[in-house]
All heavy atoms as atom14 arrays in JSON, in Angstrom:
{
  "sequence": "CRHNTVRHLVFASSSSVYGLNVKMPFSTSDN",
  "atom14_mask": [
    [1, 1, 1, 1, 1, 1, 0, 0, 0, 0, 0, 0, 0, 0],
    [1, 1, 1, 1, 1, 1, 1, 1, 1, 1, 1, 0, 0, 0],
    [1, 1, 1, 1, 1, 1, 1, 1, 1, 1, 0, 0, 0, 0],
    [1, 1, 1, 1, 1, 1, 1, 1, 0, 0, 0, 0, 0, 0],
    [1, 1, 1, 1, 1, 1, 1, 0, 0, 0, 0, 0, 0, 0],
    [1, 1, 1, 1, 1, 1, 1, 0, 0, 0, 0, 0, 0, 0],
    [1, 1, 1, 1, 1, 1, 1, 1, 1, 1, 1, 0, 0, 0],
    [1, 1, 1, 1, 1, 1, 1, 1, 1, 1, 0, 0, 0, 0],
    [1, 1, 1, 1, 1, 1, 1, 1, 0, 0, 0, 0, 0, 0],
    [1, 1, 1, 1, 1, 1, 1, 0, 0, 0, 0, 0, 0, 0],
    [1, 1, 1, 1, 1, 1, 1, 1, 1, 1, 1, 0, 0, 0],
    [1, 1, 1, 1, 1, 0, 0, 0, 0, 0, 0, 0, 0, 0],
    [1, 1, 1, 1, 1, 1, 0, 0, 0, 0, 0, 0, 0, 0],
    [1, 1, 1, 1, 1, 1, 0, 0, 0, 0, 0, 0, 0, 0],
    [1, 1, 1, 1, 1, 1, 0, 0, 0, 0, 0, 0, 0, 0],
    [1, 1, 1, 1, 1, 1, 0, 0, 0, 0, 0, 0, 0, 0],
    [1, 1, 1, 1, 1, 1, 1, 0, 0, 0, 0, 0, 0, 0],
    [1, 1, 1, 1, 1, 1, 1, 1, 1, 1, 1, 1, 0, 0],
    [1, 1, 1, 1, 0, 0, 0, 0, 0, 0, 0, 0, 0, 0],
    [1, 1, 1, 1, 1, 1, 1, 1, 0, 0, 0, 0, 0, 0],
    [1, 1, 1, 1, 1, 1, 1, 1, 0, 0, 0, 0, 0, 0],
    [1, 1, 1, 1, 1, 1, 1, 0, 0, 0, 0, 0, 0, 0],
    [1, 1, 1, 1, 1, 1, 1, 1, 1, 0, 0, 0, 0, 0],
    [1, 1, 1, 1, 1, 1, 1, 1, 0, 0, 0, 0, 0, 0],
    [1, 1, 1, 1, 1, 1, 1, 0, 0, 0, 0, 0, 0, 0],
    [1, 1, 1, 1, 1, 1, 1, 1, 1, 1, 1, 0, 0, 0],
    [1, 1, 1, 1, 1, 1, 0, 0, 0, 0, 0, 0, 0, 0],
    [1, 1, 1, 1, 1, 1, 1, 0, 0, 0, 0, 0, 0, 0],
    [1, 1, 1, 1, 1, 1, 0, 0, 0, 0, 0, 0, 0, 0],
    [1, 1, 1, 1, 1, 1, 1, 1, 0, 0, 0, 0, 0, 0],
    [1, 1, 1, 1, 1, 1, 1, 1, 0, 0, 0, 0, 0, 0]
  ],
  "atom14_positions": [
    [[-20.67, -71.6, -21.64], [-22.06, -72.09, -21.81], [-22.08, -73.27, -22.78], [-22.8, -74.27, -22.56], [-22.93, -70.96, -22.37], [-23.24, -69.61, -21.23], [0.0, 0.0, 0.0], [0.0, 0.0, 0.0], [0.0, 0.0, 0.0], [0.0, 0.0, 0.0], [0.0, 0.0, 0.0], [0.0, 0.0, 0.0], [0.0, 0.0, 0.0], [0.0, 0.0, 0.0]],
    [[-21.3, -73.18, -23.83], [-21.23, -74.27, -24.84], [-20.85, -75.61, -24.23], [-21.44, -76.64, -24.57], [-20.25, -73.86, -25.94], [-19.88, -75.0, -26.88], [-18.66, -74.64, -27.71], [-18.23, -75.71, -28.54], [-17.11, -75.73, -29.26], [-16.3, -74.68, -29.23], [-16.78, -76.77, -29.97], [0.0, 0.0, 0.0], [0.0, 0.0, 0.0], [0.0, 0.0, 0.0]],
    [[-19.91, -75.6, -23.31], [-19.38, -76.85, -22.82], [-20.07, -77.33, -21.52], [-19.68, -78.34, -20.95], [-17.9, -76.72, -22.54], [-17.06, -76.56, -23.79], [-16.92, -77.59, -24.69], [-16.4, -75.48, -24.29], [-16.15, -77.17, -25.72], [-15.81, -75.9, -25.5], [0.0, 0.0, 0.0], [0.0, 0.0, 0.0], [0.0, 0.0, 0.0], [0.0, 0.0, 0.0]],
    [[-21.12, -76.62, -21.07], [-21.75, -76.98, -19.82], [-23.28, -76.99, -19.87], [-23.95, -76.87, -18.85], [-21.28, -76.03, -18.71], [-19.84, -76.29, -18.33], [-19.52, -77.16, -17.54], [-18.92, -75.49, -18.89], [0.0, 0.0, 0.0], [0.0, 0.0, 0.0], [0.0, 0.0, 0.0], [0.0, 0.0, 0.0], [0.0, 0.0, 0.0], [0.0, 0.0, 0.0]],
    [[-23.84, -77.12, -21.05], [-25.28, -77.34, -21.24], [-26.16, -76.33, -20.48], [-27.1, -76.7, -19.79], [-25.67, -78.78, -20.78], [-24.65, -79.71, -21.14], [-26.97, -79.22, -21.49], [0.0, 0.0, 0.0], [0.0, 0.0, 0.0], [0.0, 0.0, 0.0], [0.0, 0.0, 0.0], [0.0, 0.0, 0.0], [0.0, 0.0, 0.0], [0.0, 0.0, 0.0]],
    [[-25.81, -75.06, -20.65], [-26.61, -73.98, -20.08], [-27.9, -73.9, -20.9], [-27.88, -73.85, -22.13], [-25.87, -72.65, -20.09], [-26.79, -71.5, -19.75], [-24.72, -72.74, -19.1], [0.0, 0.0, 0.0], [0.0, 0.0, 0.0], [0.0, 0.0, 0.0], [0.0, 0.0, 0.0], [0.0, 0.0, 0.0], [0.0, 0.0, 0.0], [0.0, 0.0, 0.0]],
    [[-29.05, -73.83, -20.21], [-30.33, -73.89, -20.91], [-30.78, -72.57, -21.48], [-31.63, -72.51, -22.37], [-31.41, -74.45, -19.98], [-31.15, -75.88, -19.52], [-32.43, -76.61, -19.12], [-33.13, -75.95, -18.03], [-33.08, -76.34, -16.77], [-32.31, -77.37, -16.41], [-33.77, -75.7, -15.85], [0.0, 0.0, 0.0], [0.0, 0.0, 0.0], [0.0, 0.0, 0.0]],
    [[-30.21, -71.48, -20.97], [-30.58, -70.14, -21.49], [-29.48, -69.16, -21.11], [-29.15, -68.99, -19.93], [-31.92, -69.68, -20.93], [-32.51, -68.49, -21.63], [-33.6, -67.82, -21.15], [-32.14, -67.82, -22.78], [-33.9, -66.83, -21.95], [-33.01, -66.8, -22.94], [0.0, 0.0, 0.0], [0.0, 0.0, 0.0], [0.0, 0.0, 0.0], [0.0, 0.0, 0.0]],
    [[-28.95, -68.45, -22.11], [-28.04, -67.34, -21.9], [-28.74, -66.07, -22.24], [-29.22, -65.87, -23.38], [-26.77, -67.51, -22.78], [-25.87, -66.26, -22.88], [-25.29, -65.87, -21.51], [-24.76, -66.5, -23.89], [0.0, 0.0, 0.0], [0.0, 0.0, 0.0], [0.0, 0.0, 0.0], [0.0, 0.0, 0.0], [0.0, 0.0, 0.0], [0.0, 0.0, 0.0]],
    [[-28.86, -65.18, -21.26], [-29.42, -63.85, -21.47], [-28.27, -62.85, -21.33], [-27.55, -62.89, -20.34], [-30.53, -63.53, -20.43], [-31.07, -62.12, -20.65], [-31.64, -64.56, -20.5], [0.0, 0.0, 0.0], [0.0, 0.0, 0.0], [0.0, 0.0, 0.0], [0.0, 0.0, 0.0], [0.0, 0.0, 0.0], [0.0, 0.0, 0.0], [0.0, 0.0, 0.0]],
    [[-28.09, -61.96, -22.29], [-26.97, -61.04, -22.2], [-27.42, -59.62, -22.5], [-28.41, -59.36, -23.17], [-25.85, -61.45, -23.16], [-26.12, -61.2, -24.63], [-25.71, -60.03, -25.26], [-26.82, -62.15, -25.4], [-25.97, -59.83, -26.6], [-27.08, -61.96, -26.73], [-26.66, -60.78, -27.34], [0.0, 0.0, 0.0], [0.0, 0.0, 0.0], [0.0, 0.0, 0.0]],
    [[-26.65, -58.67, -21.94], [-26.97, -57.26, -22.07], [-26.33, -56.72, -23.34], [-25.12, -56.7, -23.52], [-26.41, -56.48, -20.87], [0.0, 0.0, 0.0], [0.0, 0.0, 0.0], [0.0, 0.0, 0.0], [0.0, 0.0, 0.0], [0.0, 0.0, 0.0], [0.0, 0.0, 0.0], [0.0, 0.0, 0.0], [0.0, 0.0, 0.0], [0.0, 0.0, 0.0]],
    [[-27.19, -56.27, -24.27], [-26.74, -55.47, -25.36], [-27.07, -53.99, -25.01], [-27.19, -53.67, -23.83], [-27.4, -55.88, -26.68], [-26.85, -55.19, -27.77], [0.0, 0.0, 0.0], [0.0, 0.0, 0.0], [0.0, 0.0, 0.0], [0.0, 0.0, 0.0], [0.0, 0.0, 0.0], [0.0, 0.0, 0.0], [0.0, 0.0, 0.0], [0.0, 0.0, 0.0]],
    [[-27.25, -53.15, -25.99], [-27.42, -51.73, -25.67], [-28.12, -51.02, -26.82], [-27.97, -51.38, -28.0], [-26.05, -51.08, -25.42], [-26.16, -49.65, -25.38], [0.0, 0.0, 0.0], [0.0, 0.0, 0.0], [0.0, 0.0, 0.0], [0.0, 0.0, 0.0], [0.0, 0.0, 0.0], [0.0, 0.0, 0.0], [0.0, 0.0, 0.0], [0.0, 0.0, 0.0]],
    [[-28.82, -49.95, -26.47], [-29.4, -49.08, -27.53], [-28.32, -48.4, -28.35], [-28.6, -47.92, -29.47], [-30.28, -47.99, -26.87], [-29.52, -47.18, -26.02], [0.0, 0.0, 0.0], [0.0, 0.0, 0.0], [0.0, 0.0, 0.0], [0.0, 0.0, 0.0], [0.0, 0.0, 0.0], [0.0, 0.0, 0.0], [0.0, 0.0, 0.0], [0.0, 0.0, 0.0]],
    [[-27.08, -48.45, -27.86], [-25.97, -47.83, -28.64], [-25.72, -48.54, -29.98], [-25.1, -47.95, -30.86], [-24.67, -47.88, -27.8], [-24.77, -47.07, -26.67], [0.0, 0.0, 0.0], [0.0, 0.0, 0.0], [0.0, 0.0, 0.0], [0.0, 0.0, 0.0], [0.0, 0.0, 0.0], [0.0, 0.0, 0.0], [0.0, 0.0, 0.0], [0.0, 0.0, 0.0]],
    [[-26.22, -49.76, -30.16], [-26.04, -50.44, -31.44], [-26.77, -49.72, -32.55], [-26.42, -49.87, -33.75], [-26.5, -51.91, -31.38], [-25.74, -52.68, -30.3], [-28.0, -52.05, -31.19], [0.0, 0.0, 0.0], [0.0, 0.0, 0.0], [0.0, 0.0, 0.0], [0.0, 0.0, 0.0], [0.0, 0.0, 0.0], [0.0, 0.0, 0.0], [0.0, 0.0, 0.0]],
    [[-27.79, -48.91, -32.22], [-28.55, -48.24, -33.28], [-27.78, -47.11, -33.95], [-28.09, -46.77, -35.08], [-29.9, -47.73, -32.71], [-30.86, -48.86, -32.44], [-31.06, -49.33, -31.13], [-31.55, -49.49, -33.47], [-31.95, -50.39, -30.88], [-32.43, -50.54, -33.22], [-32.63, -50.97, -31.93], [-33.47, -52.02, -31.71], [0.0, 0.0, 0.0], [0.0, 0.0, 0.0]],
    [[-26.82, -46.53, -33.26], [-25.91, -45.58, -33.9], [-26.59, -44.54, -34.73], [-27.33, -43.69, -34.21], [0.0, 0.0, 0.0], [0.0, 0.0, 0.0], [0.0, 0.0, 0.0], [0.0, 0.0, 0.0], [0.0, 0.0, 0.0], [0.0, 0.0, 0.0], [0.0, 0.0, 0.0], [0.0, 0.0, 0.0], [0.0, 0.0, 0.0], [0.0, 0.0, 0.0]],
    [[-26.34, -44.55, -36.04], [-26.85, -43.55, -36.96], [-28.31, -43.78, -37.38], [-28.81, -42.98, -38.2], [-25.96, -43.45, -38.23], [-24.54, -42.92, -38.0], [-23.78, -42.93, -39.32], [-24.56, -41.52, -37.43], [0.0, 0.0, 0.0], [0.0, 0.0, 0.0], [0.0, 0.0, 0.0], [0.0, 0.0, 0.0], [0.0, 0.0, 0.0], [0.0, 0.0, 0.0]],
    [[-28.94, -44.81, -36.88], [-30.37, -45.02, -37.22], [-31.17, -43.77, -36.92], [-31.01, -43.18, -35.84], [-30.92, -46.21, -36.47], [-30.4, -47.53, -37.02], [-29.28, -47.61, -37.49], [-31.21, -48.58, -36.95], [0.0, 0.0, 0.0], [0.0, 0.0, 0.0], [0.0, 0.0, 0.0], [0.0, 0.0, 0.0], [0.0, 0.0, 0.0], [0.0, 0.0, 0.0]],
    [[-32.08, -43.41, -37.79], [-32.92, -42.21, -37.57], [-34.4, -42.55, -37.5], [-35.18, -41.72, -37.01], [-32.69, -41.15, -38.69], [-31.26, -40.63, -38.61], [-32.96, -41.73, -40.07], [0.0, 0.0, 0.0], [0.0, 0.0, 0.0], [0.0, 0.0, 0.0], [0.0, 0.0, 0.0], [0.0, 0.0, 0.0], [0.0, 0.0, 0.0], [0.0, 0.0, 0.0]],
    [[-34.8, -43.72, -37.96], [-36.22, -44.1, -37.87], [-36.59, -44.35, -36.42], [-35.92, -45.12, -35.72], [-36.5, -45.34, -38.72], [-37.99, -45.75, -38.72], [-38.23, -46.88, -39.72], [-37.72, -48.2, -39.17], [-38.48, -48.69, -38.0], [0.0, 0.0, 0.0], [0.0, 0.0, 0.0], [0.0, 0.0, 0.0], [0.0, 0.0, 0.0], [0.0, 0.0, 0.0]],
    [[-37.64, -43.7, -35.96], [-38.09, -43.85, -34.57], [-39.49, -44.47, -34.55], [-40.32, -44.17, -35.41], [-38.13, -42.51, -33.87], [-36.77, -41.83, -33.74], [-35.77, -42.69, -32.5], [-34.2, -41.79, -32.68], [0.0, 0.0, 0.0], [0.0, 0.0, 0.0], [0.0, 0.0, 0.0], [0.0, 0.0, 0.0], [0.0, 0.0, 0.0], [0.0, 0.0, 0.0]],
    [[-39.83, -45.3, -33.54], [-38.87, -45.77, -32.5], [-37.91, -46.82, -33.07], [-38.17, -47.42, -34.12], [-39.82, -46.39, -31.47], [-40.99, -46.85, -32.28], [-41.18, -45.84, -33.34], [0.0, 0.0, 0.0], [0.0, 0.0, 0.0], [0.0, 0.0, 0.0], [0.0, 0.0, 0.0], [0.0, 0.0, 0.0], [0.0, 0.0, 0.0], [0.0, 0.0, 0.0]],
    [[-36.79, -47.03, -32.37], [-35.84, -48.07, -32.76], [-36.49, -49.44, -32.64], [-37.07, -49.77, -31.62], [-34.6, -48.0, -31.87], [-33.76, -46.77, -32.04], [-32.99, -46.31, -31.0], [-33.67, -46.12, -33.25], [-32.2, -45.19, -31.14], [-32.88, -45.02, -33.41], [-32.14, -44.55, -32.36], [0.0, 0.0, 0.0], [0.0, 0.0, 0.0], [0.0, 0.0, 0.0]],
    [[-36.34, -50.24, -33.7], [-36.95, -51.55, -33.71], [-35.9, -52.63, -33.93], [-34.93, -52.4, -34.67], [-38.01, -51.64, -34.82], [-38.44, -52.96, -35.02], [0.0, 0.0, 0.0], [0.0, 0.0, 0.0], [0.0, 0.0, 0.0], [0.0, 0.0, 0.0], [0.0, 0.0, 0.0], [0.0, 0.0, 0.0], [0.0, 0.0, 0.0], [0.0, 0.0, 0.0]],
    [[-36.07, -53.78, -33.33], [-35.13, -54.9, -33.53], [-35.2, -55.45, -34.94], [-34.37, -56.25, -35.34], [-35.39, -56.01, -32.51], [-36.75, -56.45, -32.63], [-35.09, -55.53, -31.09], [0.0, 0.0, 0.0], [0.0, 0.0, 0.0], [0.0, 0.0, 0.0], [0.0, 0.0, 0.0], [0.0, 0.0, 0.0], [0.0, 0.0, 0.0], [0.0, 0.0, 0.0]],
    [[-36.21, -55.03, -35.71], [-36.3, -55.46, -37.1], [-35.49, -54.57, -38.03], [-35.36, -54.84, -39.22], [-37.76, -55.5, -37.57], [-38.31, -54.2, -37.54], [0.0, 0.0, 0.0], [0.0, 0.0, 0.0], [0.0, 0.0, 0.0], [0.0, 0.0, 0.0], [0.0, 0.0, 0.0], [0.0, 0.0, 0.0], [0.0, 0.0, 0.0], [0.0, 0.0, 0.0]],
    [[-34.89, -53.5, -37.44], [-34.07, -52.55, -38.23], [-32.64, -53.04, -38.33], [-32.11, -53.73, -37.43], [-34.1, -51.15, -37.6], [-35.46, -50.52, -37.57], [-36.27, -50.9, -38.43], [-35.71, -49.66, -36.7], [0.0, 0.0, 0.0], [0.0, 0.0, 0.0], [0.0, 0.0, 0.0], [0.0, 0.0, 0.0], [0.0, 0.0, 0.0], [0.0, 0.0, 0.0]],
    [[-31.96, -52.62, -39.39], [-30.53, -52.87, -39.53], [-29.75, -52.01, -38.51], [-30.1, -50.85, -38.29], [-30.1, -52.52, -40.96], [-28.62, -52.66, -41.19], [-27.84, -51.81, -40.75], [-28.24, -53.68, -41.91], [0.0, 0.0, 0.0], [0.0, 0.0, 0.0], [0.0, 0.0, 0.0], [0.0, 0.0, 0.0], [0.0, 0.0, 0.0], [0.0, 0.0, 0.0]]
  ]
}
């Protein structure tokens, strides 16, 4: 993407990143 001027990269992350988080609902403002 860097070398070919792609205008938008959308990628799949996962709810698995929240791991031990306990505050619900999971928010992208959380660590």
